[in-house]
PDB file of N, CA and C in Angstrom:
ATOM      1  N   MET A   1     -96.732 -27.560-142.810  1.00  0.00           N
ATOM      2  CA  MET A   1     -95.568 -28.524-142.334  1.00  0.00           C
ATOM      3  C   MET A   1     -95.677 -29.615-143.333  1.00  0.00           C
ATOM      4  N   ALA A   2     -94.675 -30.200-143.802  1.00  0.00           N
ATOM      5  CA  ALA A   2     -94.765 -31.249-144.751  1.00  0.00           C
ATOM      6  C   ALA A   2     -94.802 -32.553-143.926  1.00  0.00           C
ATOM      7  N   GLY A   3     -95.763 -33.338-144.784  1.00  0.00           N
ATOM      8  CA  GLY A   3     -96.287 -34.713-144.170  1.00  0.00           C
ATOM      9  C   GLY A   3     -97.328 -34.559-143.014  1.00  0.00           C
ATOM     10  N   ILE A   4     -97.735 -33.272-142.682  1.00  0.00           N
ATOM     11  CA  ILE A   4     -98.915 -33.358-141.837  1.00  0.00           C
ATOM     12  C   ILE A   4    -100.375 -32.973-142.645  1.00  0.00           C
ATOM     13  N   GLU A   5    -101.135 -34.003-142.373  1.00  0.00           N
ATOM     14  CA  GLU A   5    -102.405 -33.800-143.037  1.00  0.00           C
ATOM     15  C   GLU A   5    -103.389 -32.952-142.175  1.00  0.00           C
ATOM     16  N   ALA A   6    -103.735 -32.098-142.820  1.00  0.00           N
ATOM     17  CA  ALA A   6    -105.035 -30.871-142.140  1.00  0.00           C
ATOM     18  C   ALA A   6    -106.186 -31.703-142.057  1.00  0.00           C
ATOM     19  N   ARG A   7    -106.983 -31.768-140.830  1.00  0.00           N
ATOM     20  CA  ARG A   7    -108.053 -32.478-140.722  1.00  0.00           C
ATOM     21  C   ARG A   7    -109.160 -31.259-140.221  1.00  0.00           C
ATOM     22  N   ARG A   8    -110.320 -31.535-140.612  1.00  0.00           N
ATOM     23  CA  ARG A   8    -111.582 -30.572-140.100  1.00  0.00           C
ATOM     24  C   ARG A   8    -111.968 -31.078-138.569  1.00  0.00           C
ATOM     25  N   SER A   9    -111.639 -32.049-138.160  1.00  0.00           N
ATOM     26  CA  SER A   9    -111.796 -32.498-136.781  1.00  0.00           C
ATOM     27  C   SER A   9    -111.019 -33.676-136.446  1.00  0.00           C
ATOM     28  N   PRO A  10    -110.759 -33.739-135.076  1.00  0.00           N
ATOM     29  CA  PRO A  10    -109.940 -34.706-134.639  1.00  0.00           C
ATOM     30  C   PRO A  10    -110.456 -36.064-134.982  1.00  0.00           C
ATOM     31  N   ARG A  11    -109.616 -37.026-135.337  1.00  0.00           N
ATOM     32  CA  ARG A  11    -109.943 -38.506-135.459  1.00  0.00           C
ATOM     33  C   ARG A  11    -109.546 -39.303-134.394  1.00  0.00           C
ATOM     34  N   VAL A  12    -110.534 -40.201-133.881  1.00  0.00           N
ATOM     35  CA  VAL A  12    -110.274 -40.985-132.478  1.00  0.00           C
ATOM     36  C   VAL A  12    -110.677 -42.274-132.824  1.00  0.00           C
ATOM     37  N   LEU A  13    -110.096 -43.430-132.286  1.00  0.00           N
ATOM     38  CA  LEU A  13    -110.325 -44.749-132.273  1.00  0.00           C
ATOM     39  C   LEU A  13    -111.888 -44.775-131.164  1.00  0.00           C
ATOM     40  N   LEU A  14    -112.746 -45.410-132.096  1.00  0.00           N
ATOM     41  CA  LEU A  14    -113.942 -45.588-131.291  1.00  0.00           C
ATOM     42  C   LEU A  14    -114.672 -46.618-132.241  1.00  0.00           C
ATOM     43  N   ARG A  15    -115.472 -47.741-131.176  1.00  0.00           N
ATOM     44  CA  ARG A  15    -115.930 -48.746-131.752  1.00  0.00           C
ATOM     45  C   ARG A  15    -117.378 -48.493-131.438  1.00  0.00           C
ATOM     46  N   LEU A  16    -118.241 -48.164-132.417  1.00  0.00           N
ATOM     47  CA  LEU A  16    -119.638 -48.187-132.215  1.00  0.00           C
ATOM     48  C   LEU A  16    -120.416 -48.822-133.222  1.00  0.00           C
ATOM     49  N   GLY A  17    -121.411 -49.515-132.778  1.00  0.00           N
ATOM     50  CA  GLY A  17    -122.482 -50.384-133.732  1.00  0.00           C
ATOM     51  C   GLY A  17    -123.166 -49.440-134.734  1.00  0.00           C
ATOM     52  N   VAL A  18    -123.240 -49.617-136.054  1.00  0.00           N
ATOM     53  CA  VAL A  18    -123.941 -48.724-136.977  1.00  0.00           C
ATOM     54  C   VAL A  18    -124.688 -49.784-137.913  1.00  0.00           C
ATOM     55  N   LEU A  19    -125.676 -49.349-138.410  1.00  0.00           N
ATOM     56  CA  LEU A  19    -126.416 -50.091-139.402  1.00  0.00           C
ATOM     57  C   LEU A  19    -126.272 -49.142-140.646  1.00  0.00           C
ATOM     58  N   ILE A  20    -125.886 -49.970-141.964  1.00  0.00           N
ATOM     59  CA  ILE A  20    -126.220 -49.423-142.943  1.00  0.00           C
ATOM     60  C   ILE A  20    -127.253 -49.795-143.727  1.00  0.00           C
ATOM     61  N   GLU A  21    -128.290 -48.591-143.531  1.00  0.00           N
ATOM     62  CA  GLU A  21    -129.810 -48.692-143.786  1.00  0.00           C
ATOM     63  C   GLU A  21    -130.008 -48.768-145.367  1.00  0.00           C
ATOM     64  N   ASP A  22    -129.284 -48.023-146.113  1.00  0.00           N
ATOM     65  CA  ASP A  22    -129.170 -47.829-147.616  1.00  0.00           C
ATOM     66  C   ASP A  22    -127.959 -47.634-148.353  1.00  0.00           C
ATOM     67  N   PRO A  23    -127.872 -48.558-149.320  1.00  0.00           N
ATOM     68  CA  PRO A  23    -128.836 -49.271-150.000  1.00  0.00           C
ATOM     69  C   PRO A  23    -129.264 -50.442-149.310  1.00  0.00           C
ATOM     70  N   PRO A  24    -130.326 -51.098-149.712  1.00  0.00           N
ATOM     71  CA  PRO A  24    -131.096 -52.287-149.108  1.00  0.00           C
ATOM     72  C   PRO A  24    -130.154 -53.605-149.548  1.00  0.00           C
ATOM     73  N   PRO A  25    -130.142 -54.752-149.070  1.00  0.00           N
ATOM     74  CA  PRO A  25    -130.754 -54.685-147.775  1.00  0.00           C
ATOM     75  C   PRO A  25    -129.904 -54.235-146.601  1.00  0.00           C
ATOM     76  N   ALA A  26    -130.307 -53.995-145.296  1.00  0.00           N
ATOM     77  CA  ALA A  26    -129.399 -53.534-144.271  1.00  0.00           C
ATOM     78  C   ALA A  26    -128.395 -54.169-143.973  1.00  0.00           C
ATOM     79  N   CYS A  27    -127.465 -53.568-143.780  1.00  0.00           N
ATOM     80  CA  CYS A  27    -126.120 -54.322-143.138  1.00  0.00           C
ATOM     81  C   CYS A  27    -125.360 -53.887-141.824  1.00  0.00           C
ATOM     82  N   PRO A  28    -125.314 -54.654-140.879  1.00  0.00           N
ATOM     83  CA  PRO A  28    -124.720 -54.282-139.656  1.00  0.00           C
ATOM     84  C   PRO A  28    -123.297 -53.932-140.099  1.00  0.00           C
ATOM     85  N   ALA A  29    -122.575 -52.977-139.191  1.00  0.00           N
ATOM     86  CA  ALA A  29    -121.158 -52.711-139.209  1.00  0.00           C
ATOM     87  C   ALA A  29    -120.708 -51.997-138.018  1.00  0.00           C
ATOM     88  N   ARG A  30    -119.717 -51.462-138.004  1.00  0.00           N
ATOM     89  CA  ARG A  30    -118.868 -51.033-136.713  1.00  0.00           C
ATOM     90  C   ARG A  30    -118.012 -49.943-137.158  1.00  0.00           C
ATOM     91  N   THR A  31    -117.638 -48.886-136.241  1.00  0.00           N
ATOM     92  CA  THR A  31    -116.769 -48.060-136.602  1.00  0.00           C
ATOM     93  C   THR A  31    -115.428 -48.383-136.136  1.00  0.00           C
ATOM     94  N   ALA A  32    -114.373 -48.028-136.573  1.00  0.00           N
ATOM     95  CA  ALA A  32    -112.932 -48.125-136.126  1.00  0.00           C
ATOM     96  C   ALA A  32    -112.305 -46.741-136.020  1.00  0.00           C
ATOM     97  N   VAL A  33    -112.808 -45.763-136.486  1.00  0.00           N
ATOM     98  CA  VAL A  33    -112.089 -44.453-136.432  1.00  0.00           C
ATOM     99  C   VAL A  33    -113.132 -43.567-136.848  1.00  0.00           C
ATOM    100  N   VAL A  34    -113.339 -42.543-135.997  1.00  0.00           N
ATOM    101  CA  VAL A  34    -114.592 -41.591-136.246  1.00  0.00           C
ATOM    102  C   VAL A  34    -114.016 -40.043-136.315  1.00  0.00           C
ATOM    103  N   ASN A  35    -114.675 -39.276-136.940  1.00  0.00           N
ATOM    104  CA  ASN A  35    -114.441 -37.666-136.875  1.00  0.00           C
ATOM    105  C   ASN A  35    -115.878 -37.151-136.783  1.00  0.00           C
ATOM    106  N   ARG A  36    -115.891 -35.877-136.712  1.00  0.00           N
ATOM    107  CA  ARG A  36    -117.200 -35.005-136.574  1.00  0.00           C
ATOM    108  C   ARG A  36    -117.656 -35.211-138.220  1.00  0.00           C
ATOM    109  N   HIS A  37    -117.151 -35.627-139.229  1.00  0.00           N
ATOM    110  CA  HIS A  37    -117.440 -35.618-140.679  1.00  0.00           C
ATOM    111  C   HIS A  37    -117.554 -36.834-141.139  1.00  0.00           C
ATOM    112  N   GLY A  38    -117.314 -37.769-140.725  1.00  0.00           N
ATOM    113  CA  GLY A  38    -117.437 -39.236-140.990  1.00  0.00           C
ATOM    114  C   GLY A  38    -116.719 -40.333-140.328  1.00  0.00           C
ATOM    115  N   ALA A  39    -116.281 -41.370-141.092  1.00  0.00           N
ATOM    116  CA  ALA A  39    -115.654 -42.536-140.022  1.00  0.00           C
ATOM    117  C   ALA A  39    -114.967 -43.432-141.223  1.00  0.00           C
ATOM    118  N   LEU A  40    -114.048 -44.335-140.359  1.00  0.00           N
ATOM    119  CA  LEU A  40    -113.773 -45.581-141.160  1.00  0.00           C
ATOM    120  C   LEU A  40    -114.894 -46.567-140.649  1.00  0.00           C
ATOM    121  N   LEU A  41    -115.553 -47.521-141.247  1.00  0.00           N
ATOM    122  CA  LEU A  41    -116.252 -48.526-141.010  1.00  0.00           C
ATOM    123  C   LEU A  41    -115.789 -49.770-141.420  1.00  0.00           C
ATOM    124  N   LEU A  42    -116.067 -50.693-140.717  1.00  0.00           N
ATOM    125  CA  LEU A  42    -115.808 -52.114-140.916  1.00  0.00           C
ATOM    126  C   LEU A  42    -117.146 -52.813-141.178  1.00  0.00           C
ATOM    127  N   SER A  43    -117.303 -53.258-142.444  1.00  0.00           N
ATOM    128  CA  SER A  43    -118.575 -53.901-143.004  1.00  0.00           C
ATOM    129  C   SER A  43    -118.299 -55.353-143.479  1.00  0.00           C
ATOM    130  N   PRO A  44    -119.233 -56.201-143.293  1.00  0.00           N
ATOM    131  CA  PRO A  44    -119.199 -57.398-143.966  1.00  0.00           C
ATOM    132  C   PRO A  44    -119.545 -57.480-145.366  1.00  0.00           C
ATOM    133  N   ARG A  45    -120.045 -56.167-145.837  1.00  0.00           N
ATOM    134  CA  ARG A  45    -120.140 -56.194-147.231  1.00  0.00           C
ATOM    135  C   ARG A  45    -119.367 -54.998-147.892  1.00  0.00           C
ATOM    136  N   ALA A  46    -119.012 -55.336-148.997  1.00  0.00           N
ATOM    137  CA  ALA A  46    -118.084 -54.235-149.882  1.00  0.00           C
ATOM    138  C   ALA A  46    -118.952 -53.145-150.497  1.00  0.00           C
ATOM    139  N   TYR A  47    -118.701 -52.022-150.686  1.00  0.00           N
ATOM    140  CA  TYR A  47    -119.428 -50.987-151.404  1.00  0.00           C
ATOM    141  C   TYR A  47    -118.112 -50.115-152.334  1.00  0.00           C
ATOM    142  N   ALA A  48    -118.722 -49.751-153.350  1.00  0.00           N
ATOM    143  CA  ALA A  48    -117.586 -49.046-154.371  1.00  0.00           C
ATOM    144  C   ALA A  48    -117.500 -47.553-153.700  1.00  0.00           C
ATOM    145  N   GLU A  49    -116.320 -47.230-154.194  1.00  0.00           N
ATOM    146  CA  GLU A  49    -116.019 -45.806-153.757  1.00  0.00           C
ATOM    147  C   GLU A  49    -117.228 -44.854-154.846  1.00  0.00           C
ATOM    148  N   GLY A  50    -117.633 -43.866-154.008  1.00  0.00           N
ATOM    149  CA  GLY A  50    -118.757 -43.073-154.699  1.00  0.00           C
ATOM    150  C   GLY A  50    -120.247 -43.710-154.326  1.00  0.00           C
ATOM    151  N   THR A  51    -120.296 -44.837-153.798  1.00  0.00           N
ATOM    152  CA  THR A  51    -121.663 -45.149-153.294  1.00  0.00           C
ATOM    153  C   THR A  51    -122.244 -44.489-152.339  1.00  0.00           C
ATOM    154  N   ALA A  52    -123.583 -44.083-152.373  1.00  0.00           N
ATOM    155  CA  ALA A  52    -124.212 -43.121-151.216  1.00  0.00           C
ATOM    156  C   ALA A  52    -124.929 -44.158-150.233  1.00  0.00           C
ATOM    157  N   LEU A  53    -124.612 -44.065-149.123  1.00  0.00           N
ATOM    158  CA  LEU A  53    -124.925 -44.712-147.981  1.00  0.00           C
ATOM    159  C   LEU A  53    -125.843 -43.715-147.177  1.00  0.00           C
ATOM    160  N   ARG A  54    -126.672 -44.427-146.259  1.00  0.00           N
ATOM    161  CA  ARG A  54    -127.401 -43.968-145.121  1.00  0.00           C
ATOM    162  C   ARG A  54    -127.114 -44.885-143.786  1.00  0.00           C
ATOM    163  N   ILE A  55    -126.400 -44.254-142.795  1.00  0.00           N
ATOM    164  CA  ILE A  55    -125.861 -45.223-141.768  1.00  0.00           C
ATOM    165  C   ILE A  55    -127.028 -44.590-140.490  1.00  0.00           C
ATOM    166  N   ARG A  56    -126.893 -45.426-139.482  1.00  0.00           N
ATOM    167  CA  ARG A  56    -127.795 -45.372-138.438  1.00  0.00           C
ATOM    168  C   ARG A  56    -126.742 -45.514-137.144  1.00  0.00           C
ATOM    169  N   ASN A  57    -126.567 -44.557-136.335  1.00  0.00           N
ATOM    170  CA  ASN A  57    -125.730 -44.931-135.143  1.00  0.00           C
ATOM    171  C   ASN A  57    -126.679 -45.641-134.167  1.00  0.00           C
ATOM    172  N   LEU A  58    -126.532 -47.005-133.866  1.00  0.00           N
ATOM    173  CA  LEU A  58    -127.048 -47.966-133.012  1.00  0.00           C
ATOM    174  C   LEU A  58    -127.268 -47.278-131.541  1.00  0.00           C
ATOM    175  N   GLU A  59    -126.430 -46.470-131.011  1.00  0.00           N
ATOM    176  CA  GLU A  59    -126.406 -45.871-129.636  1.00  0.00           C
ATOM    177  C   GLU A  59    -127.463 -44.848-129.536  1.00  0.00           C
ATOM    178  N   SER A  60    -127.438 -43.931-130.582  1.00  0.00           N
ATOM    179  CA  SER A  60    -128.430 -42.704-130.588  1.00  0.00           C
ATOM    180  C   SER A  60    -129.539 -42.852-131.472  1.00  0.00           C
ATOM    181  N   ASP A  61    -129.436 -43.835-132.494  1.00  0.00           N
ATOM    182  CA  ASP A  61    -130.744 -44.155-133.247  1.00  0.00           C
ATOM    183  C   ASP A  61    -130.947 -42.889-134.285  1.00  0.00           C
ATOM    184  N   GLU A  62    -129.827 -42.201-134.411  1.00  0.00           N
ATOM    185  CA  GLU A  62    -129.799 -41.045-135.580  1.00  0.00           C
ATOM    186  C   GLU A  62    -129.339 -41.597-136.714  1.00  0.00           C
ATOM    187  N   SER A  63    -129.598 -41.247-137.935  1.00  0.00           N
ATOM    188  CA  SER A  63    -129.274 -41.675-139.235  1.00  0.00           C
ATOM    189  C   SER A  63    -128.616 -40.404-139.937  1.00  0.00           C
ATOM    190  N   VAL A  64    -127.822 -40.762-140.881  1.00  0.00           N
ATOM    191  CA  VAL A  64    -127.359 -39.491-141.600  1.00  0.00           C
ATOM    192  C   VAL A  64    -126.719 -40.327-142.960  1.00  0.00           C
ATOM    193  N   ALA A  65    -126.963 -39.348-144.052  1.00  0.00           N
ATOM    194  CA  ALA A  65    -126.658 -39.976-145.346  1.00  0.00           C
ATOM    195  C   ALA A  65    -124.749 -39.430-145.590  1.00  0.00           C
ATOM    196  N   CYS A  66    -124.405 -40.484-146.136  1.00  0.00           N
ATOM    197  CA  CYS A  66    -122.785 -40.249-146.337  1.00  0.00           C
ATOM    198  C   CYS A  66    -122.617 -40.798-147.821  1.00  0.00           C
ATOM    199  N   SER A  67    -121.240 -40.790-148.086  1.00  0.00           N
ATOM    200  CA  SER A  67    -120.859 -41.460-149.329  1.00  0.00           C
ATOM    201  C   SER A  67    -119.548 -42.268-148.963  1.00  0.00           C
ATOM    202  N   VAL A  68    -119.230 -43.342-149.620  1.00  0.00           N
ATOM    203  CA  VAL A  68    -118.029 -44.015-149.627  1.00  0.00           C
ATOM    204  C   VAL A  68    -116.639 -43.108-150.175  1.00  0.00           C
ATOM    205  N   VAL A  69    -115.963 -42.840-149.762  1.00  0.00           N
ATOM    206  CA  VAL A  69    -114.763 -42.007-150.071  1.00  0.00           C
ATOM    207  C   VAL A  69    -113.599 -42.595-150.459  1.00  0.00           C
ATOM    208  N   TRP A  70    -113.616 -43.922-149.715  1.00  0.00           N
ATOM    209  CA  TRP A  70    -112.320 -44.620-149.765  1.00  0.00           C
ATOM    210  C   TRP A  70    -112.771 -46.153-149.364  1.00  0.00           C
ATOM    211  N   SER A  71    -112.262 -47.132-150.179  1.00  0.00           N
ATOM    212  CA  SER A  71    -112.430 -48.585-149.886  1.00  0.00           C
ATOM    213  C   SER A  71    -111.231 -49.046-149.929  1.00  0.00           C
ATOM    214  N   GLY A  72    -110.853 -49.668-148.810  1.00  0.00           N
ATOM    215  CA  GLY A  72    -109.311 -50.206-148.491  1.00  0.00           C
ATOM    216  C   GLY A  72    -109.168 -51.709-148.262  1.00  0.00           C
ATOM    217  N   GLY A  73    -110.041 -52.644-149.075  1.00  0.00           N
ATOM    218  CA  GLY A  73    -109.731 -53.856-148.959  1.00  0.00           C
ATOM    219  C   GLY A  73    -110.299 -54.467-147.480  1.00  0.00           C
ATOM    220  N   THR A  74    -109.849 -55.348-147.161  1.00  0.00           N
ATOM    221  CA  THR A  74    -110.243 -56.158-145.932  1.00  0.00           C
ATOM    222  C   THR A  74    -109.154 -56.207-144.853  1.00  0.00           C
ATOM    223  N   ASP A  75    -109.738 -56.559-143.475  1.00  0.00           N
ATOM    224  CA  ASP A  75    -109.006 -56.438-142.219  1.00  0.00           C
ATOM    225  C   ASP A  75    -108.821 -57.972-141.937  1.00  0.00           C
ATOM    226  N   ASP A  76    -108.235 -58.330-141.335  1.00  0.00           N
ATOM    227  CA  ASP A  76    -107.901 -59.724-140.604  1.00  0.00           C
ATOM    228  C   ASP A  76    -109.217 -60.510-140.552  1.00  0.00           C
ATOM    229  N   ALA A  77    -110.357 -59.843-139.920  1.00  0.00           N
ATOM    230  CA  ALA A  77    -111.565 -60.671-139.851  1.00  0.00           C
ATOM    231  C   ALA A  77    -112.256 -60.519-141.046  1.00  0.00           C
ATOM    232  N   ASN A  78    -111.782 -60.131-142.116  1.00  0.00           N
ATOM    233  CA  ASN A  78    -112.614 -60.025-143.360  1.00  0.00           C
ATOM    234  C   ASN A  78    -113.609 -59.262-143.509  1.00  0.00           C
ATOM    235  N   SER A  79    -113.572 -58.058-142.795  1.00  0.00           N
ATOM    236  CA  SER A  79    -114.374 -56.966-142.831  1.00  0.00           C
ATOM    237  C   SER A  79    -113.970 -56.039-143.650  1.00  0.00           C
ATOM    238  N   HIS A  80    -114.570 -55.340-144.718  1.00  0.00           N
ATOM    239  CA  HIS A  80    -114.397 -54.440-145.653  1.00  0.00           C
ATOM    240  C   HIS A  80    -114.230 -53.030-144.863  1.00  0.00           C
ATOM    241  N   LYS A  81    -113.056 -52.556-145.184  1.00  0.00           N
ATOM    242  CA  LYS A  81    -112.780 -51.153-144.757  1.00  0.00           C
ATOM    243  C   LYS A  81    -113.243 -50.117-145.636  1.00  0.00           C
ATOM    244  N   LEU A  82    -114.082 -49.281-145.233  1.00  0.00           N
ATOM    245  CA  LEU A  82    -114.730 -48.171-145.854  1.00  0.00           C
ATOM    246  C   LEU A  82    -114.594 -46.780-145.352  1.00  0.00           C
ATOM    247  N   GLY A  83    -113.985 -45.931-145.992  1.00  0.00           N
ATOM    248  CA  GLY A  83    -113.895 -44.549-145.356  1.00  0.00           C
ATOM    249  C   GLY A  83    -115.244 -43.781-145.906  1.00  0.00           C
ATOM    250  N   VAL A  84    -115.906 -43.097-144.888  1.00  0.00           N
ATOM    251  CA  VAL A  84    -117.282 -42.576-145.377  1.00  0.00           C
ATOM    252  C   VAL A  84    -117.324 -41.112-144.907  1.00  0.00           C
ATOM    253  N   GLU A  85    -117.742 -40.078-145.631  1.00  0.00           N
ATOM    254  CA  GLU A  85    -117.850 -38.740-145.467  1.00  0.00           C
ATOM    255  C   GLU A  85    -119.447 -38.447-145.346  1.00  0.00           C
ATOM    256  N   PHE A  86    -119.744 -37.753-144.382  1.00  0.00           N
ATOM    257  CA  PHE A  86    -121.330 -37.232-144.033  1.00  0.00           C
ATOM    258  C   PHE A  86    -121.592 -36.307-145.190  1.00  0.00           C
ATOM    259  N   ALA A  87    -122.755 -36.363-145.935  1.00  0.00           N
ATOM    260  CA  ALA A  87    -123.221 -35.597-146.945  1.00  0.00           C
ATOM    261  C   ALA A  87    -123.525 -33.998-146.101  1.00  0.00           C
ATOM    262  N   GLU A  88    -123.959 -34.081-144.973  1.00  0.00           N
ATOM    263  CA  GLU A  88    -124.327 -33.116-144.512  1.00  0.00           C
ATOM    264  C   GLU A  88    -123.624 -32.694-143.070  1.00  0.00           C
ATOM    265  N   GLU A  89    -123.372 -31.517-142.661  1.00  0.00           N
ATOM    266  CA  GLU A  89    -122.574 -31.471-141.404  1.00  0.00           C
ATOM    267  C   GLU A  89    -123.417 -31.920-140.256  1.00  0.00           C
ATOM    268  N   ARG A  90    -122.805 -32.746-139.285  1.00  0.00           N
ATOM    269  CA  ARG A  90    -123.404 -33.452-138.095  1.00  0.00           C
ATOM    270  C   ARG A  90    -122.456 -33.732-137.154  1.00  0.00           C
ATOM    271  N   PRO A  91    -122.107 -32.524-136.425  1.00  0.00           N
ATOM    272  CA  PRO A  91    -120.955 -32.615-135.513  1.00  0.00           C
ATOM    273  C   PRO A  91    -121.424 -33.470-134.286  1.00  0.00           C
ATOM    274  N   ASP A  92    -122.586 -33.724-134.113  1.00  0.00           N
ATOM    275  CA  ASP A  92    -122.999 -34.424-132.704  1.00  0.00           C
ATOM    276  C   ASP A  92    -123.170 -35.857-133.078  1.00  0.00           C
ATOM    277  N   PHE A  93    -122.977 -36.236-134.392  1.00  0.00           N
ATOM    278  CA  PHE A  93    -123.543 -37.617-134.702  1.00  0.00           C
ATOM    279  C   PHE A  93    -123.033 -38.647-133.900  1.00  0.00           C
ATOM    280  N   TRP A  94    -121.739 -38.641-133.583  1.00  0.00           N
ATOM    281  CA  TRP A  94    -121.229 -39.632-132.557  1.00  0.00           C
ATOM    282  C   TRP A  94    -121.327 -39.542-130.970  1.00  0.00           C
ATOM    283  N   GLY A  95    -122.084 -38.443-130.757  1.00  0.00           N
ATOM    284  CA  GLY A  95    -122.338 -38.306-129.473  1.00  0.00           C
ATOM    285  C   GLY A  95    -121.276 -38.002-128.279  1.00  0.00           C
ATOM    286  N   ALA A  96    -121.659 -38.445-127.097  1.00  0.00           N
ATOM    287  CA  ALA A  96    -120.578 -38.085-126.140  1.00  0.00           C
ATOM    288  C   ALA A  96    -119.584 -39.000-126.167  1.00  0.00           C
ATOM    289  N   GLU A  97    -119.747 -40.204-126.488  1.00  0.00           N
ATOM    290  CA  GLU A  97    -118.333 -40.890-126.616  1.00  0.00           C
ATOM    291  C   GLU A  97    -117.296 -40.455-127.537  1.00  0.00           C
ATOM    292  N   TYR A  98    -117.647 -39.708-128.450  1.00  0.00           N
ATOM    293  CA  TYR A  98    -116.616 -39.136-129.434  1.00  0.00           C
ATOM    294  C   TYR A  98    -116.043 -38.050-128.570  1.00  0.00           C
ATOM    295  N   GLU A  99    -116.635 -37.054-127.862  1.00  0.00           N
ATOM    296  CA  GLU A  99    -116.056 -36.000-127.101  1.00  0.00           C
ATOM    297  C   GLU A  99    -115.175 -36.635-126.172  1.00  0.00           C
ATOM    298  N   ARG A 100    -115.737 -37.413-125.346  1.00  0.00           N
ATOM    299  CA  ARG A 100    -114.738 -38.311-124.355  1.00  0.00           C
ATOM    300  C   ARG A 100    -113.660 -38.723-125.024  1.00  0.00           C
ATOM    301  N   ALA A 101    -113.546 -39.498-126.116  1.00  0.00           N
ATOM    302  CA  ALA A 101    -112.445 -39.971-126.788  1.00  0.00           C
ATOM    303  C   ALA A 101    -111.434 -38.828-127.092  1.00  0.00           C
ATOM    304  N   VAL A 102    -111.896 -37.689-127.668  1.00  0.00           N
ATOM    305  CA  VAL A 102    -111.121 -36.685-128.168  1.00  0.00           C
ATOM    306  C   VAL A 102    -110.191 -36.048-126.931  1.00  0.00           C
ATOM    307  N   LYS A 103    -111.145 -35.828-125.843  1.00  0.00           N
ATOM    308  CA  LYS A 103    -110.523 -35.372-124.567  1.00  0.00           C
ATOM    309  C   LYS A 103    -109.398 -36.357-124.061  1.00  0.00           C
ATOM    310  N   ALA A 104    -109.887 -37.556-123.921  1.00  0.00           N
ATOM    311  CA  ALA A 104    -108.697 -38.548-123.598  1.00  0.00           C
ATOM    312  C   ALA A 104    -107.717 -38.453-124.293  1.00  0.00           C
ATOM    313  N   GLU A 105    -107.794 -38.353-125.795  1.00  0.00           N
ATOM    314  CA  GLU A 105    -106.497 -38.471-126.467  1.00  0.00           C
ATOM    315  C   GLU A 105    -105.594 -37.135-126.403  1.00  0.00           C
ATOM    316  N   ALA A 106    -106.312 -36.036-126.133  1.00  0.00           N
ATOM    317  CA  ALA A 106    -105.610 -34.701-126.101  1.00  0.00           C
ATOM    318  C   ALA A 106    -104.793 -34.585-124.552  1.00  0.00           C
ATOM    319  N   GLY A 107    -105.359 -35.595-123.837  1.00  0.00           N
ATOM    320  CA  GLY A 107    -104.708 -35.577-122.309  1.00  0.00           C
ATOM    321  C   GLY A 107    -103.605 -36.453-122.395  1.00  0.00           C
ATOM    322  N   SER A 108    -103.384 -37.467-123.336  1.00  0.00           N
ATOM    323  CA  SER A 108    -102.417 -38.379-123.285  1.00  0.00           C
ATOM    324  C   SER A 108    -101.028 -37.864-123.808  1.00  0.00           C
TER     325      SER A 108
END
């Protein structure tokens, strides 16, 4: 179908606190949109496309290696918009909140 982008997993709006641990110094950020393979992060610091990051989910305390695949400027609050993709498959990284959001969007 023209105009429809195939996704490996559903994207949902979900605000979770994350910590960009690497590269140092650590930088607090938050998610705007997540899926099982990455996220759109809002960060006070800019990172160039291709930058390797390690992020920690502050809810679960799990961390994952990822890379910046898209850098989209800033939002109205001056947060840098970063599209990140996990370096390894981590379908449960966002936890139960993600699964609840997927079910809620499917039901609407």
